PDB file of N, CA and C in Angstrom:
ATOM      1  N   MET A   1       4.971 -10.682   4.570  1.00  0.00           N
ATOM      2  CA  MET A   1       4.529 -11.931   5.130  1.00  0.00           C
ATOM      3  C   MET A   1       3.043 -11.820   5.451  1.00  0.00           C
ATOM      4  N   GLN A   2       2.252 -12.834   5.054  1.00  0.00           N
ATOM      5  CA  GLN A   2       0.818 -12.834   5.305  1.00  0.00           C
ATOM      6  C   GLN A   2       0.501 -13.732   6.497  1.00  0.00           C
ATOM      7  N   PHE A   3      -0.261 -13.194   7.433  1.00  0.00           N
ATOM      8  CA  PHE A   3      -0.651 -13.969   8.606  1.00  0.00           C
ATOM      9  C   PHE A   3      -2.089 -14.422   8.443  1.00  0.00           C
ATOM     10  N   MET A   4      -2.362 -15.666   8.841  1.00  0.00           N
ATOM     11  CA  MET A   4      -3.718 -16.180   8.809  1.00  0.00           C
ATOM     12  C   MET A   4      -4.323 -16.022  10.190  1.00  0.00           C
ATOM     13  N   VAL A   5      -5.532 -15.532  10.210  1.00  0.00           N
ATOM     14  CA  VAL A   5      -6.269 -15.428  11.456  1.00  0.00           C
ATOM     15  C   VAL A   5      -7.208 -16.625  11.498  1.00  0.00           C
ATOM     16  N   PHE A   6      -7.134 -17.384  12.575  1.00  0.00           N
ATOM     17  CA  PHE A   6      -7.967 -18.564  12.704  1.00  0.00           C
ATOM     18  C   PHE A   6      -9.131 -18.284  13.633  1.00  0.00           C
ATOM     19  N   HIS A   7     -10.278 -18.737  13.218  1.00  0.00           N
ATOM     20  CA  HIS A   7     -11.465 -18.693  14.075  1.00  0.00           C
ATOM     21  C   HIS A   7     -11.379 -19.888  15.007  1.00  0.00           C
ATOM     22  N   LYS A   8     -11.936 -19.786  16.185  1.00  0.00           N
ATOM     23  CA  LYS A   8     -11.836 -20.888  17.145  1.00  0.00           C
ATOM     24  C   LYS A   8     -12.466 -22.172  16.616  1.00  0.00           C
ATOM     25  N   SER A   9     -13.369 -22.081  15.635  1.00  0.00           N
ATOM     26  CA  SER A   9     -14.000 -23.273  15.065  1.00  0.00           C
ATOM     27  C   SER A   9     -13.214 -23.865  13.895  1.00  0.00           C
ATOM     28  N   ASP A  10     -12.203 -23.154  13.416  1.00  0.00           N
ATOM     29  CA  ASP A  10     -11.440 -23.631  12.256  1.00  0.00           C
ATOM     30  C   ASP A  10     -10.798 -24.982  12.531  1.00  0.00           C
ATOM     31  N   ASP A  11     -10.781 -25.812  11.502  1.00  0.00           N
ATOM     32  CA  ASP A  11     -10.064 -27.083  11.539  1.00  0.00           C
ATOM     33  C   ASP A  11      -8.690 -26.793  10.945  1.00  0.00           C
ATOM     34  N   ARG A  12      -7.682 -26.768  11.762  1.00  0.00           N
ATOM     35  CA  ARG A  12      -6.352 -26.358  11.297  1.00  0.00           C
ATOM     36  C   ARG A  12      -5.737 -27.324  10.288  1.00  0.00           C
ATOM     37  N   ALA A  13      -6.341 -28.479  10.109  1.00  0.00           N
ATOM     38  CA  ALA A  13      -5.878 -29.396   9.063  1.00  0.00           C
ATOM     39  C   ALA A  13      -6.266 -28.873   7.680  1.00  0.00           C
ATOM     40  N   PHE A  14      -7.225 -27.926   7.649  1.00  0.00           N
ATOM     41  CA  PHE A  14      -7.706 -27.366   6.386  1.00  0.00           C
ATOM     42  C   PHE A  14      -7.519 -25.860   6.439  1.00  0.00           C
ATOM     43  N   ARG A  15      -6.319 -25.423   6.145  1.00  0.00           N
ATOM     44  CA  ARG A  15      -5.953 -24.013   6.283  1.00  0.00           C
ATOM     45  C   ARG A  15      -6.684 -23.117   5.284  1.00  0.00           C
ATOM     46  N   GLU A  16      -7.218 -23.688   4.221  1.00  0.00           N
ATOM     47  CA  GLU A  16      -7.919 -22.894   3.208  1.00  0.00           C
ATOM     48  C   GLU A  16      -9.382 -22.635   3.560  1.00  0.00           C
ATOM     49  N   ILE A  17      -9.864 -23.217   4.650  1.00  0.00           N
ATOM     50  CA  ILE A  17     -11.265 -23.077   5.034  1.00  0.00           C
ATOM     51  C   ILE A  17     -11.348 -22.346   6.374  1.00  0.00           C
ATOM     52  N   THR A  18     -12.273 -21.417   6.466  1.00  0.00           N
ATOM     53  CA  THR A  18     -12.530 -20.717   7.719  1.00  0.00           C
ATOM     54  C   THR A  18     -14.030 -20.572   7.886  1.00  0.00           C
ATOM     55  N   TYR A  19     -14.427 -20.001   8.995  1.00  0.00           N
ATOM     56  CA  TYR A  19     -15.844 -19.793   9.275  1.00  0.00           C
ATOM     57  C   TYR A  19     -16.135 -18.305   9.369  1.00  0.00           C
ATOM     58  N   VAL A  20     -17.290 -17.909   8.846  1.00  0.00           N
ATOM     59  CA  VAL A  20     -17.780 -16.539   8.963  1.00  0.00           C
ATOM     60  C   VAL A  20     -19.211 -16.604   9.459  1.00  0.00           C
ATOM     61  N   CYS A  21     -19.685 -15.508   9.985  1.00  0.00           N
ATOM     62  CA  CYS A  21     -21.068 -15.429  10.438  1.00  0.00           C
ATOM     63  C   CYS A  21     -21.947 -15.210   9.211  1.00  0.00           C
ATOM     64  N   GLY A  22     -22.852 -16.157   8.974  1.00  0.00           N
ATOM     65  CA  GLY A  22     -23.751 -16.065   7.833  1.00  0.00           C
ATOM     66  C   GLY A  22     -24.928 -15.138   8.105  1.00  0.00           C
ATOM     67  N   ALA A  23     -25.795 -14.999   7.118  1.00  0.00           N
ATOM     68  CA  ALA A  23     -26.958 -14.113   7.231  1.00  0.00           C
ATOM     69  C   ALA A  23     -27.878 -14.524   8.374  1.00  0.00           C
ATOM     70  N   SER A  24     -27.918 -15.820   8.670  1.00  0.00           N
ATOM     71  CA  SER A  24     -28.786 -16.317   9.736  1.00  0.00           C
ATOM     72  C   SER A  24     -28.153 -16.176  11.116  1.00  0.00           C
ATOM     73  N   GLY A  25     -26.909 -15.715  11.158  1.00  0.00           N
ATOM     74  CA  GLY A  25     -26.194 -15.614  12.418  1.00  0.00           C
ATOM     75  C   GLY A  25     -25.414 -16.867  12.757  1.00  0.00           C
ATOM     76  N   GLU A  26     -25.599 -17.913  11.976  1.00  0.00           N
ATOM     77  CA  GLU A  26     -24.881 -19.169  12.169  1.00  0.00           C
ATOM     78  C   GLU A  26     -23.493 -19.064  11.536  1.00  0.00           C
ATOM     79  N   LEU A  27     -22.539 -19.833  12.069  1.00  0.00           N
ATOM     80  CA  LEU A  27     -21.227 -19.902  11.434  1.00  0.00           C
ATOM     81  C   LEU A  27     -21.326 -20.728  10.161  1.00  0.00           C
ATOM     82  N   VAL A  28     -20.685 -20.237   9.111  1.00  0.00           N
ATOM     83  CA  VAL A  28     -20.722 -20.873   7.799  1.00  0.00           C
ATOM     84  C   VAL A  28     -19.286 -21.086   7.343  1.00  0.00           C
ATOM     85  N   SER A  29     -18.986 -22.288   6.852  1.00  0.00           N
ATOM     86  CA  SER A  29     -17.635 -22.555   6.351  1.00  0.00           C
ATOM     87  C   SER A  29     -17.495 -21.988   4.941  1.00  0.00           C
ATOM     88  N   VAL A  30     -16.379 -21.260   4.744  1.00  0.00           N
ATOM     89  CA  VAL A  30     -16.099 -20.614   3.460  1.00  0.00           C
ATOM     90  C   VAL A  30     -14.643 -20.840   3.078  1.00  0.00           C
ATOM     91  N   LEU A  31     -14.379 -20.677   1.807  1.00  0.00           N
ATOM     92  CA  LEU A  31     -13.011 -20.713   1.309  1.00  0.00           C
ATOM     93  C   LEU A  31     -12.329 -19.429   1.776  1.00  0.00           C
ATOM     94  N   ARG A  32     -11.233 -19.582   2.501  1.00  0.00           N
ATOM     95  CA  ARG A  32     -10.517 -18.431   3.088  1.00  0.00           C
ATOM     96  C   ARG A  32     -10.213 -17.391   2.005  1.00  0.00           C
ATOM     97  N   GLY A  33     -10.472 -16.133   2.350  1.00  0.00           N
ATOM     98  CA  GLY A  33     -10.203 -15.027   1.431  1.00  0.00           C
ATOM     99  C   GLY A  33     -11.326 -14.772   0.448  1.00  0.00           C
ATOM    100  N   THR A  34     -12.403 -15.531   0.569  1.00  0.00           N
ATOM    101  CA  THR A  34     -13.573 -15.364  -0.295  1.00  0.00           C
ATOM    102  C   THR A  34     -14.815 -15.433   0.577  1.00  0.00           C
ATOM    103  N   ARG A  35     -15.951 -15.238  -0.006  1.00  0.00           N
ATOM    104  CA  ARG A  35     -17.229 -15.474   0.675  1.00  0.00           C
ATOM    105  C   ARG A  35     -17.889 -16.729   0.089  1.00  0.00           C
ATOM    106  N   LEU A  36     -17.122 -17.522  -0.650  1.00  0.00           N
ATOM    107  CA  LEU A  36     -17.655 -18.723  -1.292  1.00  0.00           C
ATOM    108  C   LEU A  36     -17.850 -19.816  -0.245  1.00  0.00           C
ATOM    109  N   ARG A  37     -19.103 -20.187  -0.036  1.00  0.00           N
ATOM    110  CA  ARG A  37     -19.426 -21.198   0.963  1.00  0.00           C
ATOM    111  C   ARG A  37     -19.002 -22.589   0.483  1.00  0.00           C
ATOM    112  N   VAL A  38     -18.552 -23.389   1.409  1.00  0.00           N
ATOM    113  CA  VAL A  38     -18.197 -24.776   1.104  1.00  0.00           C
ATOM    114  C   VAL A  38     -19.410 -25.476   0.507  1.00  0.00           C
ATOM    115  N   GLN A  39     -20.589 -25.237   1.069  1.00  0.00           N
ATOM    116  CA  GLN A  39     -21.767 -25.929   0.576  1.00  0.00           C
ATOM    117  C   GLN A  39     -22.083 -25.558  -0.873  1.00  0.00           C
ATOM    118  N   THR A  40     -21.735 -24.372  -1.314  1.00  0.00           N
ATOM    119  CA  THR A  40     -21.941 -23.984  -2.710  1.00  0.00           C
ATOM    120  C   THR A  40     -21.107 -24.858  -3.633  1.00  0.00           C
ATOM    121  N   VAL A  41     -19.862 -25.088  -3.253  1.00  0.00           N
ATOM    122  CA  VAL A  41     -18.972 -25.946  -4.053  1.00  0.00           C
ATOM    123  C   VAL A  41     -19.489 -27.380  -4.047  1.00  0.00           C
ATOM    124  N   VAL A  42     -19.948 -27.848  -2.894  1.00  0.00           N
ATOM    125  CA  VAL A  42     -20.469 -29.213  -2.775  1.00  0.00           C
ATOM    126  C   VAL A  42     -21.703 -29.384  -3.667  1.00  0.00           C
ATOM    127  N   ILE A  43     -22.606 -28.414  -3.645  1.00  0.00           N
ATOM    128  CA  ILE A  43     -23.804 -28.486  -4.492  1.00  0.00           C
ATOM    129  C   ILE A  43     -23.412 -28.492  -5.960  1.00  0.00           C
ATOM    130  N   ALA A  44     -22.443 -27.661  -6.331  1.00  0.00           N
ATOM    131  CA  ALA A  44     -21.984 -27.638  -7.726  1.00  0.00           C
ATOM    132  C   ALA A  44     -21.449 -29.001  -8.149  1.00  0.00           C
ATOM    133  N   ALA A  45     -20.736 -29.654  -7.253  1.00  0.00           N
ATOM    134  CA  ALA A  45     -20.169 -30.972  -7.576  1.00  0.00           C
ATOM    135  C   ALA A  45     -21.239 -32.058  -7.575  1.00  0.00           C
ATOM    136  N   GLN A  46     -22.077 -32.082  -6.547  1.00  0.00           N
ATOM    137  CA  GLN A  46     -23.024 -33.181  -6.393  1.00  0.00           C
ATOM    138  C   GLN A  46     -24.305 -33.008  -7.201  1.00  0.00           C
ATOM    139  N   LYS A  47     -24.924 -31.853  -7.092  1.00  0.00           N
ATOM    140  CA  LYS A  47     -26.218 -31.645  -7.734  1.00  0.00           C
ATOM    141  C   LYS A  47     -26.078 -31.287  -9.211  1.00  0.00           C
ATOM    142  N   TRP A  48     -25.133 -30.442  -9.505  1.00  0.00           N
ATOM    143  CA  TRP A  48     -24.964 -29.993 -10.880  1.00  0.00           C
ATOM    144  C   TRP A  48     -23.995 -30.860 -11.671  1.00  0.00           C
ATOM    145  N   GLY A  49     -23.251 -31.727 -10.981  1.00  0.00           N
ATOM    146  CA  GLY A  49     -22.319 -32.626 -11.652  1.00  0.00           C
ATOM    147  C   GLY A  49     -21.070 -31.961 -12.192  1.00  0.00           C
ATOM    148  N   PHE A  50     -20.701 -30.802 -11.659  1.00  0.00           N
ATOM    149  CA  PHE A  50     -19.502 -30.107 -12.122  1.00  0.00           C
ATOM    150  C   PHE A  50     -18.254 -30.840 -11.636  1.00  0.00           C
ATOM    151  N   SER A  51     -17.250 -30.878 -12.481  1.00  0.00           N
ATOM    152  CA  SER A  51     -15.938 -31.406 -12.100  1.00  0.00           C
ATOM    153  C   SER A  51     -15.198 -30.319 -11.320  1.00  0.00           C
ATOM    154  N   PRO A  52     -14.132 -30.694 -10.597  1.00  0.00           N
ATOM    155  CA  PRO A  52     -13.332 -29.653  -9.924  1.00  0.00           C
ATOM    156  C   PRO A  52     -12.845 -28.579 -10.888  1.00  0.00           C
ATOM    157  N   ASN A  53     -12.481 -28.975 -12.104  1.00  0.00           N
ATOM    158  CA  ASN A  53     -12.030 -28.001 -13.093  1.00  0.00           C
ATOM    159  C   ASN A  53     -13.150 -27.047 -13.481  1.00  0.00           C
ATOM    160  N   GLN A  54     -14.359 -27.565 -13.670  1.00  0.00           N
ATOM    161  CA  GLN A  54     -15.494 -26.711 -14.019  1.00  0.00           C
ATOM    162  C   GLN A  54     -15.833 -25.747 -12.872  1.00  0.00           C
ATOM    163  N   ILE A  55     -15.767 -26.239 -11.647  1.00  0.00           N
ATOM    164  CA  ILE A  55     -16.036 -25.384 -10.490  1.00  0.00           C
ATOM    165  C   ILE A  55     -14.978 -24.289 -10.402  1.00  0.00           C
ATOM    166  N   ALA A  56     -13.727 -24.662 -10.616  1.00  0.00           N
ATOM    167  CA  ALA A  56     -12.637 -23.688 -10.579  1.00  0.00           C
ATOM    168  C   ALA A  56     -12.862 -22.590 -11.611  1.00  0.00           C
ATOM    169  N   THR A  57     -13.262 -22.975 -12.802  1.00  0.00           N
ATOM    170  CA  THR A  57     -13.527 -22.005 -13.864  1.00  0.00           C
ATOM    171  C   THR A  57     -14.711 -21.117 -13.503  1.00  0.00           C
ATOM    172  N   GLU A  58     -15.786 -21.724 -13.014  1.00  0.00           N
ATOM    173  CA  GLU A  58     -17.015 -20.990 -12.671  1.00  0.00           C
ATOM    174  C   GLU A  58     -16.774 -19.938 -11.589  1.00  0.00           C
ATOM    175  N   TYR A  59     -15.943 -20.262 -10.601  1.00  0.00           N
ATOM    176  CA  TYR A  59     -15.730 -19.371  -9.461  1.00  0.00           C
ATOM    177  C   TYR A  59     -14.357 -18.693  -9.467  1.00  0.00           C
ATOM    178  N   ASP A  60     -13.642 -18.793 -10.582  1.00  0.00           N
ATOM    179  CA  ASP A  60     -12.336 -18.142 -10.749  1.00  0.00           C
ATOM    180  C   ASP A  60     -11.368 -18.539  -9.632  1.00  0.00           C
ATOM    181  N   LEU A  61     -11.225 -19.858  -9.456  1.00  0.00           N
ATOM    182  CA  LEU A  61     -10.334 -20.426  -8.444  1.00  0.00           C
ATOM    183  C   LEU A  61      -9.345 -21.362  -9.111  1.00  0.00           C
ATOM    184  N   SER A  62      -8.324 -21.743  -8.378  1.00  0.00           N
ATOM    185  CA  SER A  62      -7.458 -22.808  -8.867  1.00  0.00           C
ATOM    186  C   SER A  62      -8.142 -24.146  -8.565  1.00  0.00           C
ATOM    187  N   GLU A  63      -7.841 -25.124  -9.341  1.00  0.00           N
ATOM    188  CA  GLU A  63      -8.397 -26.455  -9.098  1.00  0.00           C
ATOM    189  C   GLU A  63      -7.927 -26.995  -7.748  1.00  0.00           C
ATOM    190  N   ASP A  64      -6.717 -26.636  -7.338  1.00  0.00           N
ATOM    191  CA  ASP A  64      -6.212 -27.051  -6.024  1.00  0.00           C
ATOM    192  C   ASP A  64      -7.098 -26.521  -4.898  1.00  0.00           C
ATOM    193  N   ARG A  65      -7.544 -25.273  -5.023  1.00  0.00           N
ATOM    194  CA  ARG A  65      -8.408 -24.701  -3.976  1.00  0.00           C
ATOM    195  C   ARG A  65      -9.758 -25.420  -3.948  1.00  0.00           C
ATOM    196  N   VAL A  66     -10.282 -25.748  -5.110  1.00  0.00           N
ATOM    197  CA  VAL A  66     -11.545 -26.500  -5.167  1.00  0.00           C
ATOM    198  C   VAL A  66     -11.351 -27.857  -4.504  1.00  0.00           C
ATOM    199  N   ASN A  67     -10.247 -28.507  -4.796  1.00  0.00           N
ATOM    200  CA  ASN A  67      -9.975 -29.809  -4.175  1.00  0.00           C
ATOM    201  C   ASN A  67      -9.809 -29.693  -2.666  1.00  0.00           C
ATOM    202  N   ASP A  68      -9.263 -28.576  -2.182  1.00  0.00           N
ATOM    203  CA  ASP A  68      -9.179 -28.336  -0.734  1.00  0.00           C
ATOM    204  C   ASP A  68     -10.581 -28.268  -0.123  1.00  0.00           C
ATOM    205  N   VAL A  69     -11.487 -27.580  -0.811  1.00  0.00           N
ATOM    206  CA  VAL A  69     -12.865 -27.471  -0.325  1.00  0.00           C
ATOM    207  C   VAL A  69     -13.515 -28.852  -0.289  1.00  0.00           C
ATOM    208  N   LEU A  70     -13.325 -29.626  -1.341  1.00  0.00           N
ATOM    209  CA  LEU A  70     -13.938 -30.955  -1.402  1.00  0.00           C
ATOM    210  C   LEU A  70     -13.333 -31.893  -0.360  1.00  0.00           C
ATOM    211  N   ALA A  71     -12.061 -31.732  -0.057  1.00  0.00           N
ATOM    212  CA  ALA A  71     -11.431 -32.533   1.002  1.00  0.00           C
ATOM    213  C   ALA A  71     -12.002 -32.144   2.363  1.00  0.00           C
ATOM    214  N   PHE A  72     -12.225 -30.848   2.572  1.00  0.00           N
ATOM    215  CA  PHE A  72     -12.849 -30.394   3.810  1.00  0.00           C
ATOM    216  C   PHE A  72     -14.241 -31.008   3.934  1.00  0.00           C
ATOM    217  N   TYR A  73     -14.985 -30.996   2.841  1.00  0.00           N
ATOM    218  CA  TYR A  73     -16.319 -31.593   2.860  1.00  0.00           C
ATOM    219  C   TYR A  73     -16.246 -33.075   3.230  1.00  0.00           C
ATOM    220  N   ALA A  74     -15.300 -33.786   2.669  1.00  0.00           N
ATOM    221  CA  ALA A  74     -15.166 -35.216   2.976  1.00  0.00           C
ATOM    222  C   ALA A  74     -14.966 -35.434   4.478  1.00  0.00           C
ATOM    223  N   ALA A  75     -14.243 -34.540   5.115  1.00  0.00           N
ATOM    224  CA  ALA A  75     -13.973 -34.663   6.552  1.00  0.00           C
ATOM    225  C   ALA A  75     -15.104 -34.108   7.419  1.00  0.00           C
ATOM    226  N   HIS A  76     -15.943 -33.251   6.844  1.00  0.00           N
ATOM    227  CA  HIS A  76     -16.994 -32.561   7.606  1.00  0.00           C
ATOM    228  C   HIS A  76     -18.357 -32.706   6.927  1.00  0.00           C
ATOM    229  N   SER A  77     -18.592 -33.830   6.277  1.00  0.00           N
ATOM    230  CA  SER A  77     -19.808 -33.983   5.477  1.00  0.00           C
ATOM    231  C   SER A  77     -21.088 -33.873   6.296  1.00  0.00           C
ATOM    232  N   GLN A  78     -21.097 -34.380   7.515  1.00  0.00           N
ATOM    233  CA  GLN A  78     -22.327 -34.283   8.319  1.00  0.00           C
ATOM    234  C   GLN A  78     -22.703 -32.827   8.573  1.00  0.00           C
ATOM    235  N   GLU A  79     -21.728 -32.026   8.922  1.00  0.00           N
ATOM    236  CA  GLU A  79     -21.956 -30.597   9.175  1.00  0.00           C
ATOM    237  C   GLU A  79     -22.473 -29.890   7.928  1.00  0.00           C
ATOM    238  N   ILE A  80     -21.819 -30.133   6.794  1.00  0.00           N
ATOM    239  CA  ILE A  80     -22.190 -29.455   5.552  1.00  0.00           C
ATOM    240  C   ILE A  80     -23.535 -29.964   5.048  1.00  0.00           C
ATOM    241  N   ASP A  81     -23.756 -31.273   5.106  1.00  0.00           N
ATOM    242  CA  ASP A  81     -25.035 -31.837   4.662  1.00  0.00           C
ATOM    243  C   ASP A  81     -26.189 -31.299   5.503  1.00  0.00           C
ATOM    244  N   ALA A  82     -25.982 -31.143   6.803  1.00  0.00           N
ATOM    245  CA  ALA A  82     -27.023 -30.586   7.675  1.00  0.00           C
ATOM    246  C   ALA A  82     -27.325 -29.139   7.289  1.00  0.00           C
ATOM    247  N   SER A  83     -26.304 -28.383   6.946  1.00  0.00           N
ATOM    248  CA  SER A  83     -26.487 -26.993   6.536  1.00  0.00           C
ATOM    249  C   SER A  83     -27.252 -26.913   5.219  1.00  0.00           C
ATOM    250  N   ILE A  84     -26.926 -27.785   4.282  1.00  0.00           N
ATOM    251  CA  ILE A  84     -27.632 -27.824   2.994  1.00  0.00           C
ATOM    252  C   ILE A  84     -29.094 -28.190   3.221  1.00  0.00           C
ATOM    253  N   ALA A  85     -29.357 -29.185   4.055  1.00  0.00           N
ATOM    254  CA  ALA A  85     -30.729 -29.619   4.337  1.00  0.00           C
ATOM    255  C   ALA A  85     -31.534 -28.500   5.001  1.00  0.00           C
ATOM    256  N   ALA A  86     -30.925 -27.802   5.946  1.00  0.00           N
ATOM    257  CA  ALA A  86     -31.616 -26.707   6.630  1.00  0.00           C
ATOM    258  C   ALA A  86     -31.965 -25.592   5.643  1.00  0.00           C
ATOM    259  N   GLU A  87     -31.054 -25.312   4.734  1.00  0.00           N
ATOM    260  CA  GLU A  87     -31.310 -24.264   3.749  1.00  0.00           C
ATOM    261  C   GLU A  87     -32.447 -24.665   2.812  1.00  0.00           C
ATOM    262  N   ARG A  88     -32.503 -25.946   2.444  1.00  0.00           N
ATOM    263  CA  ARG A  88     -33.597 -26.432   1.582  1.00  0.00           C
ATOM    264  C   ARG A  88     -34.941 -26.275   2.287  1.00  0.00           C
ATOM    265  N   ILE A  89     -34.995 -26.549   3.577  1.00  0.00           N
ATOM    266  CA  ILE A  89     -36.236 -26.403   4.338  1.00  0.00           C
ATOM    267  C   ILE A  89     -36.681 -24.943   4.342  1.00  0.00           C
ATOM    268  N   ILE A  90     -35.753 -24.034   4.562  1.00  0.00           N
ATOM    269  CA  ILE A  90     -36.062 -22.605   4.572  1.00  0.00           C
ATOM    270  C   ILE A  90     -36.551 -22.161   3.192  1.00  0.00           C
ATOM    271  N   GLU A  91     -35.878 -22.626   2.145  1.00  0.00           N
ATOM    272  CA  GLU A  91     -36.282 -22.248   0.782  1.00  0.00           C
ATOM    273  C   GLU A  91     -37.691 -22.778   0.477  1.00  0.00           C
ATOM    274  N   ALA A  92     -37.985 -24.015   0.871  1.00  0.00           N
ATOM    275  CA  ALA A  92     -39.294 -24.603   0.616  1.00  0.00           C
ATOM    276  C   ALA A  92     -40.393 -23.838   1.349  1.00  0.00           C
ATOM    277  N   ALA A  93     -40.092 -23.369   2.552  1.00  0.00           N
ATOM    278  CA  ALA A  93     -41.073 -22.629   3.338  1.00  0.00           C
ATOM    279  C   ALA A  93     -41.361 -21.258   2.750  1.00  0.00           C
ATOM    280  N   ASN A  94     -40.444 -20.740   1.968  1.00  0.00           N
ATOM    281  CA  ASN A  94     -40.597 -19.401   1.392  1.00  0.00           C
ATOM    282  C   ASN A  94     -41.079 -19.408  -0.056  1.00  0.00           C
ATOM    283  N   VAL A  95     -41.524 -20.549  -0.526  1.00  0.00           N
ATOM    284  CA  VAL A  95     -41.997 -20.624  -1.923  1.00  0.00           C
ATOM    285  C   VAL A  95     -43.448 -20.280  -2.000  1.00  0.00           C
TER     286      VAL A  95
END
């Protein structure tokens, strides 16, 4: 039997998503059991135009798991969009 450990910030409606401490020390939402950030999947879908199937193939996931990530994003878009924007600012400052 596998037990899931929940972080206090986890949204229990999305059991496939958890939070880990990122390089900046901030909590980052990731696909449980991986280090794949939710924002990476969102960027692949929005910026690169990848379909859920293409994302699943690219990251060796099931399409269901990709759809779980995208559903989490739909419910937490402000949080994820703010994280993406902050990362863009940091990247621009380091160019």
